Amino acid sequence: MGRELNMDTQRQNFWKEAIKKEAYVRLAWHEKYSAEFGRDSTEEKKLHRTKKLTEMVPKPPTRSLTLPVISYPKKKPTLAAINMVTARNSQDPNALLVEMRSVTPGVRNLLYHGFTKEGRGRYQYLQTRKLKKPEDKYEYPLTTSWEYGWRLDDVQKEFHAPQFGRSRIVRDTFFRRTGILYDPITA
């Protein structure tokens, strides 16, 4: 039965009376027939039921299920590697972060002057760092998506636009009019 939205006082009173009547009928049935049809709630049946349920639950294994420990032989670092690491640590504490090149002192000092809310401090530092290309900040591309534009300036130096015409590099390299092979237009 759907809920009716146009409930006035008369309908609300009817609804309340119907709910009370239904509850009364249920209680009357329960008092009259609970001995015949009701559930037996004696303690013996409850204990029997819990015993059955606990027997159905699987027992945890008694032996431990730990994995064996595998020990690998340790590589001895070479003397040259040890000397290189100690030399780097003595010069610059950030030298072990080989992925990113160190920040210039002038840019690093931007961090300590002012607040982000004023547009200085960390905000100004990040804005300045954002202007640098990734290839200037990192030794090598960290993600595969960086490989597409890595060292793009070197390629652009080799490319020159034609002196007396338009460049058709897109059409000449991969545009196909009717099929797999490119059929140049001869006019």
N, C-alpha and C. Protein backbone atom coordinates (compact mmCIF):
# COMPACT_ATOMS: atom_id res chain seq x y z
N MET A 1 0.85 -1.18 0.00
CA MET A 1 0.00 0.00 0.00
C MET A 1 0.89 1.23 0.00
N GLY A 2 0.62 2.12 -0.90
CA GLY A 2 1.42 3.34 -1.00
C GLY A 2 1.04 4.34 0.07
N ARG A 3 1.92 5.20 0.37
CA ARG A 3 1.68 6.22 1.38
C ARG A 3 0.93 7.38 0.74
N GLU A 4 -0.13 7.80 1.40
CA GLU A 4 -0.92 8.90 0.88
C GLU A 4 -0.41 10.21 1.47
N LEU A 5 -0.26 11.19 0.64
CA LEU A 5 0.27 12.46 1.11
C LEU A 5 -0.81 13.43 1.56
N ASN A 6 -2.05 13.21 1.14
CA ASN A 6 -3.10 14.14 1.53
C ASN A 6 -3.78 13.65 2.82
N MET A 7 -3.05 13.72 3.92
CA MET A 7 -3.56 13.25 5.21
C MET A 7 -4.12 14.44 5.98
N ASP A 8 -5.42 14.40 6.23
CA ASP A 8 -6.00 15.41 7.11
C ASP A 8 -6.20 14.78 8.49
N THR A 9 -6.80 15.50 9.42
CA THR A 9 -6.93 15.02 10.79
C THR A 9 -7.79 13.76 10.86
N GLN A 10 -8.83 13.71 10.09
CA GLN A 10 -9.72 12.55 10.13
C GLN A 10 -8.99 11.29 9.66
N ARG A 11 -8.24 11.41 8.57
CA ARG A 11 -7.49 10.24 8.06
C ARG A 11 -6.38 9.82 9.03
N GLN A 12 -5.73 10.81 9.66
CA GLN A 12 -4.69 10.47 10.63
C GLN A 12 -5.28 9.69 11.80
N ASN A 13 -6.41 10.10 12.31
CA ASN A 13 -7.05 9.38 13.41
C ASN A 13 -7.45 7.97 12.99
N PHE A 14 -7.98 7.83 11.74
CA PHE A 14 -8.32 6.51 11.24
C PHE A 14 -7.08 5.62 11.17
N TRP A 15 -5.99 6.17 10.68
CA TRP A 15 -4.74 5.43 10.56
C TRP A 15 -4.24 4.96 11.92
N LYS A 16 -4.26 5.86 12.93
CA LYS A 16 -3.83 5.50 14.28
C LYS A 16 -4.71 4.38 14.84
N GLU A 17 -6.01 4.49 14.64
CA GLU A 17 -6.93 3.49 15.16
C GLU A 17 -6.71 2.13 14.51
N ALA A 18 -6.41 2.12 13.20
CA ALA A 18 -6.17 0.86 12.49
C ALA A 18 -4.89 0.20 13.01
N ILE A 19 -3.87 1.00 13.28
CA ILE A 19 -2.61 0.43 13.79
C ILE A 19 -2.82 -0.15 15.18
N LYS A 20 -3.54 0.57 16.04
CA LYS A 20 -3.81 0.06 17.39
C LYS A 20 -4.64 -1.21 17.35
N LYS A 21 -5.62 -1.26 16.46
CA LYS A 21 -6.47 -2.44 16.34
C LYS A 21 -5.66 -3.65 15.89
N GLU A 22 -4.77 -3.44 14.94
CA GLU A 22 -3.92 -4.53 14.46
C GLU A 22 -3.02 -5.05 15.57
N ALA A 23 -2.43 -4.14 16.34
CA ALA A 23 -1.58 -4.56 17.46
C ALA A 23 -2.39 -5.33 18.50
N TYR A 24 -3.62 -4.89 18.76
CA TYR A 24 -4.47 -5.57 19.73
C TYR A 24 -4.81 -6.98 19.25
N VAL A 25 -5.13 -7.14 17.96
CA VAL A 25 -5.46 -8.45 17.41
C VAL A 25 -4.26 -9.39 17.52
N ARG A 26 -3.06 -8.88 17.26
CA ARG A 26 -1.86 -9.72 17.38
C ARG A 26 -1.65 -10.18 18.82
N LEU A 27 -1.82 -9.27 19.78
CA LEU A 27 -1.66 -9.64 21.19
C LEU A 27 -2.71 -10.66 21.62
N ALA A 28 -3.92 -10.47 21.15
CA ALA A 28 -5.00 -11.42 21.51
C ALA A 28 -4.69 -12.80 20.95
N TRP A 29 -4.25 -12.86 19.69
CA TRP A 29 -3.89 -14.16 19.09
C TRP A 29 -2.76 -14.81 19.88
N HIS A 30 -1.75 -14.01 20.25
CA HIS A 30 -0.61 -14.54 20.98
C HIS A 30 -1.04 -15.11 22.33
N GLU A 31 -1.92 -14.41 23.05
CA GLU A 31 -2.38 -14.91 24.34
C GLU A 31 -3.18 -16.21 24.19
N LYS A 32 -3.96 -16.29 23.11
CA LYS A 32 -4.84 -17.44 22.94
C LYS A 32 -4.10 -18.67 22.44
N TYR A 33 -3.18 -18.48 21.46
CA TYR A 33 -2.58 -19.63 20.79
C TYR A 33 -1.08 -19.80 21.05
N SER A 34 -0.49 -19.04 21.92
CA SER A 34 0.96 -19.15 22.12
C SER A 34 1.36 -20.49 22.70
N ALA A 35 0.50 -21.11 23.50
CA ALA A 35 0.84 -22.41 24.08
C ALA A 35 0.90 -23.48 23.01
N GLU A 36 0.01 -23.42 22.01
CA GLU A 36 -0.02 -24.44 20.97
C GLU A 36 1.03 -24.21 19.88
N PHE A 37 1.10 -22.99 19.38
CA PHE A 37 1.95 -22.71 18.22
C PHE A 37 3.23 -21.95 18.54
N GLY A 38 3.34 -21.44 19.71
CA GLY A 38 4.49 -20.61 20.05
C GLY A 38 5.78 -21.41 20.17
N ARG A 39 6.87 -20.75 20.18
CA ARG A 39 8.17 -21.41 20.30
C ARG A 39 8.40 -21.78 21.75
N ASP A 40 9.01 -22.93 21.94
CA ASP A 40 9.32 -23.37 23.30
C ASP A 40 10.63 -22.72 23.70
N SER A 41 10.61 -21.92 24.68
CA SER A 41 11.80 -21.19 25.07
C SER A 41 12.41 -21.74 26.36
N THR A 42 12.34 -23.03 26.54
CA THR A 42 12.94 -23.62 27.74
C THR A 42 14.45 -23.58 27.62
N GLU A 43 15.10 -23.66 28.75
CA GLU A 43 16.56 -23.59 28.78
C GLU A 43 17.21 -24.80 28.12
N GLU A 44 16.58 -25.97 28.21
CA GLU A 44 17.18 -27.17 27.62
C GLU A 44 17.30 -27.04 26.10
N LYS A 45 16.25 -26.53 25.45
CA LYS A 45 16.29 -26.39 24.00
C LYS A 45 17.32 -25.34 23.58
N LYS A 46 17.45 -24.30 24.36
CA LYS A 46 18.45 -23.28 24.05
C LYS A 46 19.86 -23.86 24.14
N LEU A 47 20.13 -24.63 25.19
CA LEU A 47 21.46 -25.24 25.34
C LEU A 47 21.72 -26.23 24.21
N HIS A 48 20.72 -27.04 23.87
CA HIS A 48 20.88 -28.00 22.78
C HIS A 48 21.19 -27.29 21.46
N ARG A 49 20.49 -26.20 21.19
CA ARG A 49 20.70 -25.43 19.97
C ARG A 49 22.11 -24.84 19.93
N THR A 50 22.59 -24.27 21.05
CA THR A 50 23.93 -23.68 21.08
C THR A 50 25.00 -24.76 20.91
N LYS A 51 24.78 -25.96 21.49
CA LYS A 51 25.75 -27.05 21.31
C LYS A 51 25.85 -27.44 19.84
N LYS A 52 24.70 -27.55 19.18
CA LYS A 52 24.71 -27.90 17.75
C LYS A 52 25.47 -26.86 16.93
N LEU A 53 25.21 -25.59 17.24
CA LEU A 53 25.88 -24.52 16.49
C LEU A 53 27.38 -24.51 16.74
N THR A 54 27.82 -24.73 17.97
CA THR A 54 29.25 -24.74 18.25
C THR A 54 29.94 -25.94 17.62
N GLU A 55 29.25 -27.06 17.46
CA GLU A 55 29.84 -28.22 16.79
C GLU A 55 30.01 -27.95 15.29
N MET A 56 29.15 -27.12 14.73
CA MET A 56 29.22 -26.83 13.29
C MET A 56 30.36 -25.86 12.96
N VAL A 57 30.80 -25.08 13.93
CA VAL A 57 31.86 -24.11 13.69
C VAL A 57 33.19 -24.86 13.62
N PRO A 58 33.99 -24.65 12.57
CA PRO A 58 35.27 -25.37 12.47
C PRO A 58 36.26 -24.89 13.52
N LYS A 59 37.05 -25.82 14.00
CA LYS A 59 38.06 -25.51 15.01
C LYS A 59 39.31 -24.97 14.32
N PRO A 60 40.00 -24.03 14.95
CA PRO A 60 41.24 -23.52 14.35
C PRO A 60 42.33 -24.59 14.42
N PRO A 61 43.25 -24.56 13.46
CA PRO A 61 44.33 -25.57 13.47
C PRO A 61 45.24 -25.38 14.67
N THR A 62 45.74 -26.51 15.15
CA THR A 62 46.60 -26.44 16.34
C THR A 62 48.03 -26.10 15.99
N ARG A 63 48.51 -26.47 14.82
CA ARG A 63 49.89 -26.16 14.46
C ARG A 63 49.98 -24.75 13.88
N SER A 64 51.14 -24.17 13.96
CA SER A 64 51.31 -22.81 13.45
C SER A 64 51.50 -22.84 11.94
N LEU A 65 51.02 -21.82 11.29
CA LEU A 65 51.10 -21.74 9.83
C LEU A 65 52.05 -20.63 9.41
N THR A 66 53.19 -20.54 10.01
CA THR A 66 54.15 -19.50 9.65
C THR A 66 54.99 -19.96 8.47
N LEU A 67 55.37 -19.04 7.65
CA LEU A 67 56.20 -19.34 6.49
C LEU A 67 57.66 -19.45 6.92
N PRO A 68 58.40 -20.28 6.24
CA PRO A 68 59.82 -20.39 6.61
C PRO A 68 60.57 -19.11 6.22
N VAL A 69 61.58 -18.80 6.99
CA VAL A 69 62.39 -17.62 6.74
C VAL A 69 63.53 -17.99 5.81
N ILE A 70 63.66 -17.24 4.72
CA ILE A 70 64.72 -17.49 3.75
C ILE A 70 65.76 -16.40 3.92
N SER A 71 66.96 -16.81 4.13
CA SER A 71 68.03 -15.83 4.28
C SER A 71 68.88 -15.83 3.02
N TYR A 72 69.02 -14.68 2.44
CA TYR A 72 69.82 -14.51 1.24
C TYR A 72 71.21 -14.05 1.63
N PRO A 73 72.21 -14.49 0.90
CA PRO A 73 73.55 -14.00 1.23
C PRO A 73 73.66 -12.51 0.93
N LYS A 74 74.25 -11.79 1.83
CA LYS A 74 74.37 -10.34 1.67
C LYS A 74 75.54 -10.01 0.76
N LYS A 75 75.30 -9.02 -0.11
CA LYS A 75 76.37 -8.55 -0.98
C LYS A 75 77.26 -7.61 -0.20
N LYS A 76 78.52 -7.78 -0.38
CA LYS A 76 79.45 -6.86 0.26
C LYS A 76 79.63 -5.65 -0.65
N PRO A 77 79.40 -4.45 -0.11
CA PRO A 77 79.59 -3.27 -0.95
C PRO A 77 81.06 -3.07 -1.29
N THR A 78 81.28 -2.59 -2.49
CA THR A 78 82.66 -2.36 -2.91
C THR A 78 83.20 -1.11 -2.23
N LEU A 79 84.48 -1.02 -2.19
CA LEU A 79 85.14 0.12 -1.55
C LEU A 79 84.84 1.42 -2.29
N ALA A 80 84.74 1.36 -3.60
CA ALA A 80 84.44 2.56 -4.38
C ALA A 80 83.03 3.07 -4.07
N ALA A 81 82.08 2.16 -3.93
CA ALA A 81 80.71 2.57 -3.61
C ALA A 81 80.64 3.19 -2.23
N ILE A 82 81.35 2.63 -1.27
CA ILE A 82 81.35 3.19 0.09
C ILE A 82 81.95 4.58 0.09
N ASN A 83 83.06 4.75 -0.62
CA ASN A 83 83.70 6.07 -0.68
C ASN A 83 82.80 7.10 -1.35
N MET A 84 82.09 6.70 -2.40
CA MET A 84 81.22 7.63 -3.09
C MET A 84 80.06 8.07 -2.19
N VAL A 85 79.46 7.14 -1.44
CA VAL A 85 78.34 7.48 -0.56
C VAL A 85 78.80 8.38 0.56
N THR A 86 79.93 8.09 1.16
CA THR A 86 80.41 8.94 2.26
C THR A 86 80.79 10.33 1.75
N ALA A 87 81.34 10.41 0.54
CA ALA A 87 81.68 11.72 -0.02
C ALA A 87 80.43 12.54 -0.28
N ARG A 88 79.41 11.89 -0.79
CA ARG A 88 78.16 12.61 -1.04
C ARG A 88 77.53 13.08 0.27
N ASN A 89 77.54 12.22 1.28
CA ASN A 89 76.92 12.58 2.56
C ASN A 89 77.66 13.73 3.23
N SER A 90 78.97 13.79 3.07
CA SER A 90 79.72 14.86 3.72
C SER A 90 79.49 16.20 3.02
N GLN A 91 79.25 16.17 1.70
CA GLN A 91 79.04 17.42 0.97
C GLN A 91 77.60 17.93 1.11
N ASP A 92 76.64 17.09 0.79
CA ASP A 92 75.25 17.52 0.76
C ASP A 92 74.37 16.42 1.34
N PRO A 93 73.53 16.71 2.34
CA PRO A 93 72.69 15.66 2.91
C PRO A 93 71.62 15.16 1.93
N ASN A 94 71.29 15.94 0.93
CA ASN A 94 70.29 15.53 -0.05
C ASN A 94 70.91 14.84 -1.26
N ALA A 95 72.17 14.49 -1.20
CA ALA A 95 72.84 13.91 -2.36
C ALA A 95 72.34 12.52 -2.68
N LEU A 96 71.77 11.81 -1.70
CA LEU A 96 71.27 10.47 -1.97
C LEU A 96 69.98 10.49 -2.78
N LEU A 97 69.33 11.63 -2.85
CA LEU A 97 68.13 11.75 -3.67
C LEU A 97 68.57 11.99 -5.10
N VAL A 98 68.96 10.94 -5.76
CA VAL A 98 69.55 11.08 -7.09
C VAL A 98 68.50 11.35 -8.15
N GLU A 99 67.23 11.13 -7.85
CA GLU A 99 66.20 11.35 -8.85
C GLU A 99 66.07 12.83 -9.20
N MET A 100 66.10 13.67 -8.16
CA MET A 100 65.86 15.09 -8.38
C MET A 100 67.15 15.86 -8.14
N ARG A 101 67.40 16.80 -9.00
CA ARG A 101 68.58 17.64 -8.82
C ARG A 101 68.34 18.61 -7.67
N SER A 102 69.40 19.07 -7.04
CA SER A 102 69.25 19.96 -5.90
C SER A 102 68.74 21.33 -6.35
N VAL A 103 68.02 21.96 -5.44
CA VAL A 103 67.43 23.26 -5.71
C VAL A 103 68.50 24.32 -5.49
N THR A 104 68.48 25.34 -6.31
CA THR A 104 69.46 26.41 -6.13
C THR A 104 69.18 27.15 -4.83
N PRO A 105 70.21 27.67 -4.18
CA PRO A 105 70.01 28.34 -2.89
C PRO A 105 69.07 29.53 -2.96
N GLY A 106 69.08 30.27 -4.06
CA GLY A 106 68.20 31.42 -4.18
C GLY A 106 66.73 31.02 -4.17
N VAL A 107 66.41 29.93 -4.87
CA VAL A 107 65.03 29.46 -4.91
C VAL A 107 64.66 28.85 -3.56
N ARG A 108 65.58 28.15 -2.93
CA ARG A 108 65.30 27.54 -1.64
C ARG A 108 65.03 28.60 -0.57
N ASN A 109 65.70 29.74 -0.66
CA ASN A 109 65.49 30.80 0.33
C ASN A 109 64.09 31.41 0.23
N LEU A 110 63.43 31.24 -0.90
CA LEU A 110 62.06 31.74 -1.03
C LEU A 110 61.12 31.08 -0.02
N LEU A 111 61.44 29.86 0.39
CA LEU A 111 60.61 29.15 1.35
C LEU A 111 60.51 29.88 2.68
N TYR A 112 61.56 30.56 3.07
CA TYR A 112 61.66 31.09 4.43
C TYR A 112 61.30 32.57 4.53
N HIS A 113 60.78 33.15 3.48
CA HIS A 113 60.45 34.58 3.52
C HIS A 113 58.97 34.76 3.21
N GLY A 114 58.17 35.04 4.22
CA GLY A 114 56.76 35.34 4.04
C GLY A 114 55.87 34.13 4.22
N PHE A 115 54.57 34.35 4.02
CA PHE A 115 53.57 33.32 4.20
C PHE A 115 52.86 33.06 2.88
N THR A 116 52.29 31.87 2.75
CA THR A 116 51.57 31.50 1.54
C THR A 116 50.36 32.40 1.33
N LYS A 117 49.72 32.79 2.43
CA LYS A 117 48.53 33.63 2.32
C LYS A 117 48.85 34.98 1.66
N GLU A 118 50.08 35.44 1.85
CA GLU A 118 50.50 36.71 1.25
C GLU A 118 51.02 36.53 -0.17
N GLY A 119 51.09 35.27 -0.64
CA GLY A 119 51.64 35.01 -1.97
C GLY A 119 53.15 34.89 -1.95
N ARG A 120 53.71 34.69 -0.78
CA ARG A 120 55.16 34.53 -0.66
C ARG A 120 55.42 33.21 0.04
N GLY A 121 56.65 32.95 0.41
CA GLY A 121 56.99 31.73 1.14
C GLY A 121 56.85 30.50 0.25
N ARG A 122 56.12 29.50 0.78
CA ARG A 122 55.97 28.24 0.07
C ARG A 122 55.28 28.44 -1.28
N TYR A 123 54.28 29.31 -1.33
CA TYR A 123 53.56 29.56 -2.58
C TYR A 123 54.51 30.08 -3.65
N GLN A 124 55.33 31.06 -3.30
CA GLN A 124 56.27 31.65 -4.27
C GLN A 124 57.32 30.63 -4.69
N TYR A 125 57.77 29.80 -3.73
CA TYR A 125 58.74 28.75 -4.03
C TYR A 125 58.17 27.78 -5.06
N LEU A 126 56.93 27.32 -4.83
CA LEU A 126 56.32 26.35 -5.74
C LEU A 126 56.06 26.96 -7.12
N GLN A 127 55.67 28.22 -7.15
CA GLN A 127 55.44 28.88 -8.44
C GLN A 127 56.74 29.00 -9.22
N THR A 128 57.83 29.28 -8.53
CA THR A 128 59.13 29.39 -9.20
C THR A 128 59.61 28.04 -9.69
N ARG A 129 59.40 26.98 -8.86
CA ARG A 129 59.81 25.64 -9.25
C ARG A 129 58.98 25.13 -10.43
N LYS A 130 57.74 25.58 -10.52
CA LYS A 130 56.86 25.13 -11.59
C LYS A 130 57.32 25.64 -12.94
N LEU A 131 58.02 26.76 -12.96
CA LEU A 131 58.47 27.33 -14.22
C LEU A 131 59.59 26.52 -14.87
N LYS A 132 60.31 25.72 -14.07
CA LYS A 132 61.38 24.90 -14.62
C LYS A 132 60.81 23.66 -15.29
N LYS A 133 61.43 23.22 -16.38
CA LYS A 133 61.01 22.01 -17.07
C LYS A 133 61.43 20.79 -16.26
N PRO A 134 60.73 19.68 -16.39
CA PRO A 134 61.12 18.47 -15.65
C PRO A 134 62.53 18.01 -15.99
N GLU A 135 62.97 18.19 -17.21
CA GLU A 135 64.32 17.74 -17.54
C GLU A 135 65.40 18.59 -16.87
N ASP A 136 65.04 19.80 -16.45
CA ASP A 136 65.98 20.62 -15.69
C ASP A 136 65.99 20.24 -14.21
N LYS A 137 64.86 19.69 -13.73
CA LYS A 137 64.74 19.36 -12.32
C LYS A 137 65.16 17.93 -12.01
N TYR A 138 65.06 17.03 -12.98
CA TYR A 138 65.32 15.61 -12.74
C TYR A 138 66.42 15.11 -13.66
N GLU A 139 67.10 14.06 -13.21
CA GLU A 139 68.17 13.46 -13.99
C GLU A 139 67.63 12.64 -15.17
N TYR A 140 66.53 11.95 -14.94
CA TYR A 140 65.94 11.08 -15.96
C TYR A 140 64.43 11.10 -15.77
N PRO A 141 63.64 10.69 -16.79
CA PRO A 141 62.18 10.69 -16.64
C PRO A 141 61.73 9.67 -15.60
N LEU A 142 60.92 10.13 -14.63
CA LEU A 142 60.46 9.23 -13.57
C LEU A 142 59.27 8.39 -14.01
N THR A 143 58.43 8.94 -14.84
CA THR A 143 57.26 8.19 -15.31
C THR A 143 57.37 8.01 -16.82
N THR A 144 56.64 7.03 -17.34
CA THR A 144 56.70 6.76 -18.77
C THR A 144 56.06 7.88 -19.58
N SER A 145 55.14 8.61 -18.99
CA SER A 145 54.52 9.70 -19.74
C SER A 145 55.49 10.85 -19.96
N TRP A 146 56.51 10.96 -19.13
CA TRP A 146 57.53 12.00 -19.31
C TRP A 146 58.42 11.73 -20.51
N GLU A 147 58.49 10.48 -20.95
CA GLU A 147 59.41 10.13 -22.04
C GLU A 147 58.99 10.77 -23.35
N TYR A 148 57.72 11.10 -23.52
CA TYR A 148 57.25 11.66 -24.78
C TYR A 148 57.82 13.04 -25.03
N GLY A 149 57.95 13.85 -24.02
CA GLY A 149 58.44 15.20 -24.24
C GLY A 149 59.83 15.44 -23.71
N TRP A 150 60.50 14.37 -23.27
CA TRP A 150 61.83 14.52 -22.68
C TRP A 150 62.83 14.98 -23.74
N ARG A 151 63.57 16.02 -23.45
CA ARG A 151 64.56 16.61 -24.35
C ARG A 151 63.93 17.04 -25.67
N LEU A 152 62.77 17.63 -25.60
CA LEU A 152 62.06 18.07 -26.80
C LEU A 152 62.76 19.25 -27.45
N ASP A 153 63.46 20.04 -26.65
CA ASP A 153 64.16 21.20 -27.20
C ASP A 153 65.24 20.78 -28.20
N ASP A 154 65.89 19.64 -27.96
CA ASP A 154 66.92 19.18 -28.89
C ASP A 154 66.31 18.84 -30.25
N VAL A 155 65.11 18.29 -30.26
CA VAL A 155 64.45 17.93 -31.51
C VAL A 155 63.95 19.18 -32.24
N GLN A 156 63.45 20.14 -31.47
CA GLN A 156 62.91 21.35 -32.08
C GLN A 156 64.01 22.17 -32.74
N LYS A 157 65.23 22.07 -32.29
CA LYS A 157 66.33 22.80 -32.91
C LYS A 157 66.61 22.28 -34.32
N GLU A 158 66.35 20.96 -34.53
CA GLU A 158 66.60 20.36 -35.83
C GLU A 158 65.48 20.67 -36.82
N PHE A 159 64.29 20.91 -36.34
CA PHE A 159 63.15 21.12 -37.23
C PHE A 159 63.05 22.59 -37.62
N HIS A 160 62.93 22.83 -38.92
CA HIS A 160 62.76 24.19 -39.43
C HIS A 160 61.56 24.21 -40.36
N ALA A 161 60.76 25.24 -40.28
CA ALA A 161 59.61 25.38 -41.16
C ALA A 161 60.11 25.67 -42.58
N PRO A 162 59.35 25.25 -43.58
CA PRO A 162 59.78 25.52 -44.96
C PRO A 162 59.82 27.02 -45.23
N GLN A 163 60.76 27.42 -46.06
CA GLN A 163 60.96 28.84 -46.30
C GLN A 163 59.86 29.44 -47.17
N PHE A 164 59.40 28.71 -48.20
CA PHE A 164 58.43 29.26 -49.14
C PHE A 164 57.12 28.49 -49.17
N GLY A 165 56.69 27.90 -48.08
CA GLY A 165 55.43 27.16 -48.12
C GLY A 165 54.97 26.75 -46.73
N ARG A 166 53.88 25.99 -46.74
CA ARG A 166 53.32 25.52 -45.47
C ARG A 166 53.88 24.16 -45.11
N SER A 167 53.88 23.87 -43.85
CA SER A 167 54.39 22.59 -43.38
C SER A 167 53.27 21.56 -43.40
N ARG A 168 53.52 20.40 -44.01
CA ARG A 168 52.52 19.35 -44.07
C ARG A 168 53.01 18.13 -43.32
N ILE A 169 53.62 18.34 -42.18
CA ILE A 169 54.23 17.21 -41.48
C ILE A 169 53.17 16.22 -41.00
N VAL A 170 52.01 16.69 -40.55
CA VAL A 170 50.99 15.78 -40.05
C VAL A 170 50.45 14.93 -41.19
N ARG A 171 50.11 15.55 -42.29
CA ARG A 171 49.52 14.82 -43.40
C ARG A 171 50.52 13.87 -44.04
N ASP A 172 51.74 14.29 -44.17
CA ASP A 172 52.74 13.46 -44.83
C ASP A 172 53.18 12.29 -43.96
N THR A 173 53.06 12.40 -42.66
CA THR A 173 53.58 11.32 -41.81
C THR A 173 52.56 10.28 -41.44
N PHE A 174 51.29 10.65 -41.16
CA PHE A 174 50.37 9.58 -40.78
C PHE A 174 48.94 9.73 -41.28
N PHE A 175 48.62 10.72 -42.08
CA PHE A 175 47.26 10.85 -42.59
C PHE A 175 47.05 9.89 -43.75
N ARG A 176 45.98 9.11 -43.69
CA ARG A 176 45.66 8.16 -44.76
C ARG A 176 44.26 8.47 -45.26
N ARG A 177 44.11 8.77 -46.54
CA ARG A 177 42.81 9.16 -47.07
C ARG A 177 41.86 7.99 -47.21
N THR A 178 42.28 6.89 -47.83
CA THR A 178 41.35 5.81 -48.15
C THR A 178 41.80 4.45 -47.66
N GLY A 179 42.94 4.33 -47.14
CA GLY A 179 43.37 3.00 -46.75
C GLY A 179 44.61 3.03 -45.91
N ILE A 180 45.32 1.93 -45.96
CA ILE A 180 46.51 1.79 -45.14
C ILE A 180 47.66 2.61 -45.69
N LEU A 181 47.89 2.51 -46.96
CA LEU A 181 49.03 3.20 -47.55
C LEU A 181 48.63 4.62 -47.95
N TYR A 182 49.57 5.52 -47.86
CA TYR A 182 49.32 6.92 -48.21
C TYR A 182 49.45 7.10 -49.71
N ASP A 183 48.42 7.69 -50.27
CA ASP A 183 48.39 7.94 -51.72
C ASP A 183 48.53 9.46 -51.91
N PRO A 184 49.72 9.95 -52.27
CA PRO A 184 49.88 11.39 -52.40
C PRO A 184 49.04 11.95 -53.55
N ILE A 185 48.55 13.16 -53.36
CA ILE A 185 47.76 13.84 -54.39
C ILE A 185 48.71 14.46 -55.38
N THR A 186 48.54 14.12 -56.64
CA THR A 186 49.40 14.72 -57.68
C THR A 186 48.52 15.65 -58.50
N ALA A 187 48.79 16.90 -58.41
CA ALA A 187 47.95 17.86 -59.15
C ALA A 187 48.78 18.70 -60.07
